[in-house]
Amino acid sequence: MAQKSDIEWTDATWNPVTGCTKVGPGCDNCYAERFAERWRGISGHPYEQGFDLTLWPSRLKQPVLWKKPRMIFVNSMSDLFHKDIDRTFIDAVFDAMEQADWHVYQVLTKRSSLMRNYVRKRYHGGPVPRHIWLGVSVEDAAHASRIEHLKQINSDARFISFEPLLGPVGNVDLHGVAWAIVGGESGPRARPMDESWVRQIRDMCGRDDVAFFFKQWGGARPKSGGRLLDGEEWNGFPWQIVPEPIIRALQPEDA
């Protein structure tokens, strides 16, 4: 587990799975693939296998060993609901998250129907534990159906990552979503993001009472375009869904 993450909306990353395959245009310039493939064939490196889908059972015990509460992005280098990951391994990941329940886990997927179906079965239609946040990645209107799958999950801790935002998402109902993160693409082939697309999401968040976080404009590097929207930073965070025993450890003193 990383002790620190450079991702603005989390504290750390935990990767019991690495590697993935592409499922849409948001995957075209995948940062994780670009990073992992740099090390393919380097003997002994954690990414010796490049971006091939790989399960890491040895990492399942990491969260319980980390005693200080953190926001943990689960599988920043993969997708937990990839069709080739056996259900028993997903069970083991959820078991680990339930055991180390002093952390908040952020599970993000593009395979939204598979996530919905899994959590419905695991919790028998009941609520997902509040410290396990479930999210979907949506890059444009063509993939907005992932939001409806997310809303069909029994959870107060639903979130959406509109990153990389590649087009307008249209007028979507965000009621029941706690948090929206928006960001432009970064890297050598970064596609531009239009200001109107971001404003539309910001305004829908205001309308539907969703915390709005604007991460970056993107460009050749993540920070190339800065992160100001209409002259200000937008750092919305859904404190209302953080379990009470965790909130004091996570919340900054001036929040």
C-alpha atoms as a PDB file:
ATOM      1  CA  MET A   1       0.000   0.000   0.000  1.00  0.00           C
ATOM      2  CA  ALA A   2       1.280   3.446  -0.807  1.00  0.00           C
ATOM      3  CA  GLN A   3       1.850   5.585   2.270  1.00  0.00           C
ATOM      4  CA  LYS A   4       0.767   8.681   0.359  1.00  0.00           C
ATOM      5  CA  SER A   5      -1.058   9.435  -2.863  1.00  0.00           C
ATOM      6  CA  ASP A   6      -0.646  12.352  -5.233  1.00  0.00           C
ATOM      7  CA  ILE A   7      -4.337  12.032  -6.164  1.00  0.00           C
ATOM      8  CA  GLU A   8      -6.049  15.098  -4.711  1.00  0.00           C
ATOM      9  CA  TRP A   9      -9.195  13.345  -3.523  1.00  0.00           C
ATOM     10  CA  THR A  10      -7.627  10.505  -1.530  1.00  0.00           C
ATOM     11  CA  ASP A  11      -4.824   9.839   0.957  1.00  0.00           C
ATOM     12  CA  ALA A  12      -3.431   6.500  -0.176  1.00  0.00           C
ATOM     13  CA  THR A  13      -3.799   3.703  -2.696  1.00  0.00           C
ATOM     14  CA  TRP A  14      -4.180  -0.045  -2.227  1.00  0.00           C
ATOM     15  CA  ASN A  15      -3.780  -2.373  -5.191  1.00  0.00           C
ATOM     16  CA  PRO A  16      -4.742  -5.999  -4.503  1.00  0.00           C
ATOM     17  CA  VAL A  17      -5.238  -6.157  -8.284  1.00  0.00           C
ATOM     18  CA  THR A  18      -3.160  -4.524 -11.010  1.00  0.00           C
ATOM     19  CA  GLY A  19      -3.649  -4.420 -14.753  1.00  0.00           C
ATOM     20  CA  CYS A  20      -6.808  -4.051 -16.788  1.00  0.00           C
ATOM     21  CA  THR A  21      -8.305  -3.954 -20.300  1.00  0.00           C
ATOM     22  CA  LYS A  22     -10.038  -1.110 -22.091  1.00  0.00           C
ATOM     23  CA  VAL A  23     -13.824  -0.700 -22.046  1.00  0.00           C
ATOM     24  CA  GLY A  24     -14.376   2.764 -23.520  1.00  0.00           C
ATOM     25  CA  PRO A  25     -12.838   6.019 -24.739  1.00  0.00           C
ATOM     26  CA  GLY A  26     -11.962   7.031 -21.198  1.00  0.00           C
ATOM     27  CA  CYS A  27      -9.442   4.175 -21.219  1.00  0.00           C
ATOM     28  CA  ASP A  28      -7.692   5.177 -24.451  1.00  0.00           C
ATOM     29  CA  ASN A  29      -4.833   7.053 -22.783  1.00  0.00           C
ATOM     30  CA  CYS A  30      -4.870   5.219 -19.442  1.00  0.00           C
ATOM     31  CA  TYR A  31      -2.293   6.670 -17.051  1.00  0.00           C
ATOM     32  CA  ALA A  32      -2.030   3.367 -15.160  1.00  0.00           C
ATOM     33  CA  GLU A  33      -1.252   1.409 -18.306  1.00  0.00           C
ATOM     34  CA  ARG A  34       1.303   3.982 -19.415  1.00  0.00           C
ATOM     35  CA  PHE A  35       3.053   3.771 -16.034  1.00  0.00           C
ATOM     36  CA  ALA A  36       2.967  -0.026 -15.725  1.00  0.00           C
ATOM     37  CA  GLU A  37       4.208  -0.747 -19.229  1.00  0.00           C
ATOM     38  CA  ARG A  38       7.373   1.253 -18.589  1.00  0.00           C
ATOM     39  CA  TRP A  39       8.535  -1.598 -16.340  1.00  0.00           C
ATOM     40  CA  ARG A  40       7.496  -4.616 -18.377  1.00  0.00           C
ATOM     41  CA  GLY A  41      10.241  -7.234 -18.393  1.00  0.00           C
ATOM     42  CA  ILE A  42      12.237  -5.641 -15.559  1.00  0.00           C
ATOM     43  CA  SER A  43      12.920  -8.634 -13.329  1.00  0.00           C
ATOM     44  CA  GLY A  44      11.781  -8.159  -9.737  1.00  0.00           C
ATOM     45  CA  HIS A  45       9.826  -4.964 -10.371  1.00  0.00           C
ATOM     46  CA  PRO A  46       6.183  -4.905  -9.134  1.00  0.00           C
ATOM     47  CA  TYR A  47       5.169  -4.220 -12.745  1.00  0.00           C
ATOM     48  CA  GLU A  48       7.460  -6.770 -14.341  1.00  0.00           C
ATOM     49  CA  GLN A  49       4.300  -8.130 -15.993  1.00  0.00           C
ATOM     50  CA  GLY A  50       3.351  -4.680 -17.319  1.00  0.00           C
ATOM     51  CA  PHE A  51      -0.376  -3.988 -17.309  1.00  0.00           C
ATOM     52  CA  ASP A  52      -1.484  -7.614 -17.542  1.00  0.00           C
ATOM     53  CA  LEU A  53      -4.302  -8.367 -15.110  1.00  0.00           C
ATOM     54  CA  THR A  54      -2.651  -9.699 -11.944  1.00  0.00           C
ATOM     55  CA  LEU A  55      -4.083 -10.653  -8.534  1.00  0.00           C
ATOM     56  CA  TRP A  56      -1.984  -9.996  -5.425  1.00  0.00           C
ATOM     57  CA  PRO A  57      -3.305 -12.114  -2.515  1.00  0.00           C
ATOM     58  CA  SER A  58      -0.283 -11.066  -0.436  1.00  0.00           C
ATOM     59  CA  ARG A  59      -1.632  -7.499  -0.342  1.00  0.00           C
ATOM     60  CA  LEU A  60      -5.010  -8.395   1.164  1.00  0.00           C
ATOM     61  CA  LYS A  61      -3.715  -7.973   4.728  1.00  0.00           C
ATOM     62  CA  GLN A  62      -2.231  -4.529   4.146  1.00  0.00           C
ATOM     63  CA  PRO A  63      -5.180  -2.378   5.337  1.00  0.00           C
ATOM     64  CA  VAL A  64      -5.451  -4.081   8.721  1.00  0.00           C
ATOM     65  CA  LEU A  65      -1.768  -3.339   9.364  1.00  0.00           C
ATOM     66  CA  TRP A  66      -2.235   0.367   8.718  1.00  0.00           C
ATOM     67  CA  LYS A  67      -3.566   1.677  12.018  1.00  0.00           C
ATOM     68  CA  LYS A  68      -4.081   5.360  11.255  1.00  0.00           C
ATOM     69  CA  PRO A  69      -7.398   6.004   9.422  1.00  0.00           C
ATOM     70  CA  ARG A  70      -7.036   7.010   5.774  1.00  0.00           C
ATOM     71  CA  MET A  71      -9.064   7.574   2.655  1.00  0.00           C
ATOM     72  CA  ILE A  72      -7.910   4.673   0.489  1.00  0.00           C
ATOM     73  CA  PHE A  73      -8.411   4.485  -3.282  1.00  0.00           C
ATOM     74  CA  VAL A  74      -8.853   0.763  -4.019  1.00  0.00           C
ATOM     75  CA  ASN A  75      -7.192  -0.495  -7.202  1.00  0.00           C
ATOM     76  CA  SER A  76      -5.908   2.769  -8.612  1.00  0.00           C
ATOM     77  CA  MET A  77      -4.043   0.519 -11.075  1.00  0.00           C
ATOM     78  CA  SER A  78      -6.961  -1.732 -12.071  1.00  0.00           C
ATOM     79  CA  ASP A  79     -10.730  -2.253 -11.842  1.00  0.00           C
ATOM     80  CA  LEU A  80     -11.992  -4.545  -9.076  1.00  0.00           C
ATOM     81  CA  PHE A  81     -14.977  -5.561 -11.191  1.00  0.00           C
ATOM     82  CA  HIS A  82     -13.075  -6.689 -14.253  1.00  0.00           C
ATOM     83  CA  LYS A  83     -14.895  -9.694 -15.718  1.00  0.00           C
ATOM     84  CA  ASP A  84     -11.837 -11.915 -15.360  1.00  0.00           C
ATOM     85  CA  ILE A  85     -11.499 -11.410 -11.594  1.00  0.00           C
ATOM     86  CA  ASP A  86     -13.061 -14.346  -9.779  1.00  0.00           C
ATOM     87  CA  ARG A  87     -15.865 -13.531  -7.347  1.00  0.00           C
ATOM     88  CA  THR A  88     -13.992 -15.265  -4.525  1.00  0.00           C
ATOM     89  CA  PHE A  89     -11.140 -12.768  -4.844  1.00  0.00           C
ATOM     90  CA  ILE A  90     -13.559  -9.833  -4.852  1.00  0.00           C
ATOM     91  CA  ASP A  91     -15.042 -11.382  -1.706  1.00  0.00           C
ATOM     92  CA  ALA A  92     -11.580 -11.390  -0.147  1.00  0.00           C
ATOM     93  CA  VAL A  93     -11.084  -7.709  -0.966  1.00  0.00           C
ATOM     94  CA  PHE A  94     -14.440  -6.822   0.617  1.00  0.00           C
ATOM     95  CA  ASP A  95     -13.611  -9.002   3.619  1.00  0.00           C
ATOM     96  CA  ALA A  96     -10.404  -7.013   4.081  1.00  0.00           C
ATOM     97  CA  MET A  97     -12.260  -3.691   3.840  1.00  0.00           C
ATOM     98  CA  GLU A  98     -14.873  -4.829   6.338  1.00  0.00           C
ATOM     99  CA  GLN A  99     -12.210  -6.032   8.772  1.00  0.00           C
ATOM    100  CA  ALA A 100     -10.174  -2.797   8.712  1.00  0.00           C
ATOM    101  CA  ASP A 101     -13.238  -0.598   9.095  1.00  0.00           C
ATOM    102  CA  TRP A 102     -11.396   2.404  10.519  1.00  0.00           C
ATOM    103  CA  HIS A 103     -10.472   3.421   6.967  1.00  0.00           C
ATOM    104  CA  VAL A 104     -12.714   4.809   4.220  1.00  0.00           C
ATOM    105  CA  TYR A 105     -12.359   2.889   0.945  1.00  0.00           C
ATOM    106  CA  GLN A 106     -13.084   4.432  -2.450  1.00  0.00           C
ATOM    107  CA  VAL A 107     -13.900   1.768  -5.028  1.00  0.00           C
ATOM    108  CA  LEU A 108     -14.198   3.153  -8.565  1.00  0.00           C
ATOM    109  CA  THR A 109     -15.262   1.189 -11.651  1.00  0.00           C
ATOM    110  CA  LYS A 110     -16.320   1.524 -15.262  1.00  0.00           C
ATOM    111  CA  ARG A 111     -18.007  -1.880 -15.015  1.00  0.00           C
ATOM    112  CA  SER A 112     -20.977  -0.469 -13.171  1.00  0.00           C
ATOM    113  CA  SER A 113     -23.525  -3.233 -13.748  1.00  0.00           C
ATOM    114  CA  LEU A 114     -21.077  -5.853 -12.448  1.00  0.00           C
ATOM    115  CA  MET A 115     -20.468  -3.806  -9.306  1.00  0.00           C
ATOM    116  CA  ARG A 116     -24.209  -3.309  -8.783  1.00  0.00           C
ATOM    117  CA  ASN A 117     -24.908  -7.019  -9.161  1.00  0.00           C
ATOM    118  CA  TYR A 118     -22.069  -8.022  -6.859  1.00  0.00           C
ATOM    119  CA  VAL A 119     -22.964  -5.731  -3.947  1.00  0.00           C
ATOM    120  CA  ARG A 120     -26.639  -6.617  -4.193  1.00  0.00           C
ATOM    121  CA  LYS A 121     -25.745 -10.278  -3.694  1.00  0.00           C
ATOM    122  CA  ARG A 122     -23.129  -9.677  -1.015  1.00  0.00           C
ATOM    123  CA  TYR A 123     -25.374  -7.537   1.156  1.00  0.00           C
ATOM    124  CA  HIS A 124     -28.650  -9.252   0.194  1.00  0.00           C
ATOM    125  CA  GLY A 125     -30.080  -5.945  -0.963  1.00  0.00           C
ATOM    126  CA  GLY A 126     -29.213  -4.279   2.344  1.00  0.00           C
ATOM    127  CA  PRO A 127     -26.987  -1.232   2.732  1.00  0.00           C
ATOM    128  CA  VAL A 128     -23.300  -1.272   1.900  1.00  0.00           C
ATOM    129  CA  PRO A 129     -21.166  -0.398   4.972  1.00  0.00           C
ATOM    130  CA  ARG A 130     -20.766   3.373   5.160  1.00  0.00           C
ATOM    131  CA  HIS A 131     -16.974   3.218   5.142  1.00  0.00           C
ATOM    132  CA  ILE A 132     -16.997   1.541   1.698  1.00  0.00           C
ATOM    133  CA  TRP A 133     -17.680   4.192  -0.946  1.00  0.00           C
ATOM    134  CA  LEU A 134     -18.724   2.957  -4.375  1.00  0.00           C
ATOM    135  CA  GLY A 135     -18.200   5.049  -7.484  1.00  0.00           C
ATOM    136  CA  VAL A 136     -18.361   4.987 -11.257  1.00  0.00           C
ATOM    137  CA  SER A 137     -16.236   6.684 -13.875  1.00  0.00           C
ATOM    138  CA  VAL A 138     -18.158   8.574 -16.588  1.00  0.00           C
ATOM    139  CA  GLU A 139     -16.405  10.297 -19.491  1.00  0.00           C
ATOM    140  CA  ASP A 140     -19.333  11.512 -21.606  1.00  0.00           C
ATOM    141  CA  ALA A 141     -23.082  11.221 -22.229  1.00  0.00           C
ATOM    142  CA  ALA A 142     -22.696   7.873 -23.999  1.00  0.00           C
ATOM    143  CA  HIS A 143     -21.605   6.313 -20.700  1.00  0.00           C
ATOM    144  CA  ALA A 144     -23.992   8.096 -18.344  1.00  0.00           C
ATOM    145  CA  SER A 145     -25.934   4.836 -17.857  1.00  0.00           C
ATOM    146  CA  ARG A 146     -23.252   3.943 -15.311  1.00  0.00           C
ATOM    147  CA  ILE A 147     -24.816   6.577 -13.049  1.00  0.00           C
ATOM    148  CA  GLU A 148     -28.146   4.764 -13.094  1.00  0.00           C
ATOM    149  CA  HIS A 149     -26.407   1.495 -12.172  1.00  0.00           C
ATOM    150  CA  LEU A 150     -24.723   3.294  -9.278  1.00  0.00           C
ATOM    151  CA  LYS A 151     -28.016   4.698  -8.022  1.00  0.00           C
ATOM    152  CA  GLN A 152     -29.448   1.172  -7.955  1.00  0.00           C
ATOM    153  CA  ILE A 153     -26.991   0.294  -5.162  1.00  0.00           C
ATOM    154  CA  ASN A 154     -28.205   0.599  -1.567  1.00  0.00           C
ATOM    155  CA  SER A 155     -25.620   3.057  -0.292  1.00  0.00           C
ATOM    156  CA  ASP A 156     -25.386   6.614   0.994  1.00  0.00           C
ATOM    157  CA  ALA A 157     -21.763   6.792  -0.165  1.00  0.00           C
ATOM    158  CA  ARG A 158     -22.070   6.909  -3.947  1.00  0.00           C
ATOM    159  CA  PHE A 159     -19.648   8.996  -5.974  1.00  0.00           C
ATOM    160  CA  ILE A 160     -18.843   9.745  -9.609  1.00  0.00           C
ATOM    161  CA  SER A 161     -15.519  10.506 -11.245  1.00  0.00           C
ATOM    162  CA  PHE A 162     -16.025  12.508 -14.429  1.00  0.00           C
ATOM    163  CA  GLU A 163     -12.399  12.006 -15.434  1.00  0.00           C
ATOM    164  CA  PRO A 164     -11.181  12.222 -18.048  1.00  0.00           C
ATOM    165  CA  LEU A 165     -14.194  14.295 -19.059  1.00  0.00           C
ATOM    166  CA  LEU A 166     -14.282  13.956 -22.855  1.00  0.00           C
ATOM    167  CA  GLY A 167     -17.651  15.485 -23.685  1.00  0.00           C
ATOM    168  CA  PRO A 168     -20.843  16.856 -22.176  1.00  0.00           C
ATOM    169  CA  VAL A 169     -22.734  14.380 -20.008  1.00  0.00           C
ATOM    170  CA  GLY A 170     -26.134  15.937 -20.610  1.00  0.00           C
ATOM    171  CA  ASN A 171     -28.790  16.748 -18.065  1.00  0.00           C
ATOM    172  CA  VAL A 172     -28.590  13.806 -15.635  1.00  0.00           C
ATOM    173  CA  ASP A 173     -30.320  13.306 -12.300  1.00  0.00           C
ATOM    174  CA  LEU A 174     -27.652  13.227  -9.582  1.00  0.00           C
ATOM    175  CA  HIS A 175     -30.009  12.878  -6.626  1.00  0.00           C
ATOM    176  CA  GLY A 176     -28.691  10.189  -4.307  1.00  0.00           C
ATOM    177  CA  VAL A 177     -25.068  10.790  -5.324  1.00  0.00           C
ATOM    178  CA  ALA A 178     -22.885  12.208  -2.545  1.00  0.00           C
ATOM    179  CA  TRP A 179     -19.854  13.438  -4.465  1.00  0.00           C
ATOM    180  CA  ALA A 180     -18.762  14.342  -7.997  1.00  0.00           C
ATOM    181  CA  ILE A 181     -15.129  14.720  -9.076  1.00  0.00           C
ATOM    182  CA  VAL A 182     -14.325  16.344 -12.426  1.00  0.00           C
ATOM    183  CA  GLY A 183     -10.983  16.365 -14.193  1.00  0.00           C
ATOM    184  CA  GLY A 184      -9.442  16.774 -17.605  1.00  0.00           C
ATOM    185  CA  GLU A 185      -7.140  14.250 -19.221  1.00  0.00           C
ATOM    186  CA  SER A 186      -3.380  14.485 -18.774  1.00  0.00           C
ATOM    187  CA  GLY A 187      -0.454  12.922 -20.596  1.00  0.00           C
ATOM    188  CA  PRO A 188       1.251  13.141 -23.985  1.00  0.00           C
ATOM    189  CA  ARG A 189      -2.032  12.606 -25.932  1.00  0.00           C
ATOM    190  CA  ALA A 190      -4.362  14.493 -23.624  1.00  0.00           C
ATOM    191  CA  ARG A 191      -7.694  15.456 -25.169  1.00  0.00           C
ATOM    192  CA  PRO A 192      -9.005  18.930 -24.273  1.00  0.00           C
ATOM    193  CA  MET A 193     -11.919  19.550 -21.929  1.00  0.00           C
ATOM    194  CA  ASP A 194     -14.433  22.320 -22.613  1.00  0.00           C
ATOM    195  CA  GLU A 195     -15.331  24.718 -19.803  1.00  0.00           C
ATOM    196  CA  SER A 196     -19.041  24.386 -20.554  1.00  0.00           C
ATOM    197  CA  TRP A 197     -18.954  20.643 -19.804  1.00  0.00           C
ATOM    198  CA  VAL A 198     -17.498  21.317 -16.354  1.00  0.00           C
ATOM    199  CA  ARG A 199     -19.906  24.139 -15.559  1.00  0.00           C
ATOM    200  CA  GLN A 200     -22.850  21.941 -16.484  1.00  0.00           C
ATOM    201  CA  ILE A 201     -21.782  19.298 -13.954  1.00  0.00           C
ATOM    202  CA  ARG A 202     -21.055  21.915 -11.303  1.00  0.00           C
ATOM    203  CA  ASP A 203     -24.504  23.417 -11.759  1.00  0.00           C
ATOM    204  CA  MET A 204     -26.212  20.018 -11.645  1.00  0.00           C
ATOM    205  CA  CYS A 205     -24.354  19.286  -8.407  1.00  0.00           C
ATOM    206  CA  GLY A 206     -25.660  22.535  -6.954  1.00  0.00           C
ATOM    207  CA  ARG A 207     -29.174  21.678  -8.069  1.00  0.00           C
ATOM    208  CA  ASP A 208     -29.101  18.112  -6.691  1.00  0.00           C
ATOM    209  CA  ASP A 209     -27.130  18.788  -3.484  1.00  0.00           C
ATOM    210  CA  VAL A 210     -23.964  16.945  -4.503  1.00  0.00           C
ATOM    211  CA  ALA A 211     -20.495  17.913  -3.234  1.00  0.00           C
ATOM    212  CA  PHE A 212     -18.465  19.130  -6.246  1.00  0.00           C
ATOM    213  CA  PHE A 213     -14.691  18.721  -6.524  1.00  0.00           C
ATOM    214  CA  PHE A 214     -12.813  20.115  -9.522  1.00  0.00           C
ATOM    215  CA  LYS A 215      -9.504  18.311  -9.802  1.00  0.00           C
ATOM    216  CA  GLN A 216      -7.717  19.743 -12.853  1.00  0.00           C
ATOM    217  CA  TRP A 217      -7.940  20.983 -16.441  1.00  0.00           C
ATOM    218  CA  GLY A 218      -5.225  18.545 -17.492  1.00  0.00           C
ATOM    219  CA  GLY A 219      -2.807  18.805 -20.366  1.00  0.00           C
ATOM    220  CA  ALA A 220       0.659  17.409 -20.972  1.00  0.00           C
ATOM    221  CA  ARG A 221       0.983  17.107 -17.182  1.00  0.00           C
ATOM    222  CA  PRO A 222      -1.809  16.869 -14.602  1.00  0.00           C
ATOM    223  CA  LYS A 223      -1.110  20.378 -13.315  1.00  0.00           C
ATOM    224  CA  SER A 224      -0.498  21.983 -16.718  1.00  0.00           C
ATOM    225  CA  GLY A 225      -3.811  23.832 -16.805  1.00  0.00           C
ATOM    226  CA  GLY A 226      -4.214  24.409 -13.088  1.00  0.00           C
ATOM    227  CA  ARG A 227      -7.465  23.725 -11.272  1.00  0.00           C
ATOM    228  CA  LEU A 228      -9.334  27.019 -11.148  1.00  0.00           C
ATOM    229  CA  LEU A 229     -12.874  27.122 -12.522  1.00  0.00           C
ATOM    230  CA  ASP A 230     -14.298  30.608 -12.968  1.00  0.00           C
ATOM    231  CA  GLY A 231     -11.430  31.972 -10.895  1.00  0.00           C
ATOM    232  CA  GLU A 232     -11.764  29.736  -7.859  1.00  0.00           C
ATOM    233  CA  GLU A 233     -11.018  26.277  -6.512  1.00  0.00           C
ATOM    234  CA  TRP A 234     -13.884  23.863  -5.929  1.00  0.00           C
ATOM    235  CA  ASN A 235     -13.037  21.469  -3.126  1.00  0.00           C
ATOM    236  CA  GLY A 236     -16.402  20.029  -2.195  1.00  0.00           C
ATOM    237  CA  PHE A 237     -16.261  16.935   0.003  1.00  0.00           C
ATOM    238  CA  PRO A 238     -19.149  14.831   1.357  1.00  0.00           C
ATOM    239  CA  TRP A 239     -18.377  14.968   5.077  1.00  0.00           C
ATOM    240  CA  GLN A 240     -21.952  13.922   5.829  1.00  0.00           C
ATOM    241  CA  ILE A 241     -21.256  10.364   4.675  1.00  0.00           C
ATOM    242  CA  VAL A 242     -18.031   9.850   6.628  1.00  0.00           C
ATOM    243  CA  PRO A 243     -18.742   7.529   9.582  1.00  0.00           C
ATOM    244  CA  GLU A 244     -18.524   9.401  12.887  1.00  0.00           C
ATOM    245  CA  PRO A 245     -15.651   7.335  14.380  1.00  0.00           C
ATOM    246  CA  ILE A 246     -13.539   8.142  11.323  1.00  0.00           C
ATOM    247  CA  ILE A 247     -14.398  11.766  10.749  1.00  0.00           C
ATOM    248  CA  ARG A 248     -12.174  13.267  13.466  1.00  0.00           C
ATOM    249  CA  ALA A 249      -9.081  11.541  12.097  1.00  0.00           C
ATOM    250  CA  LEU A 250      -9.784  12.537   8.508  1.00  0.00           C
ATOM    251  CA  GLN A 251     -11.239  16.028   8.788  1.00  0.00           C
ATOM    252  CA  PRO A 252      -8.763  18.902   8.710  1.00  0.00           C
ATOM    253  CA  GLU A 253      -8.868  21.184  11.725  1.00  0.00           C
ATOM    254  CA  ASP A 254     -10.288  24.117   9.756  1.00  0.00           C
ATOM    255  CA  ALA A 255     -12.988  22.086   7.938  1.00  0.00           C
END
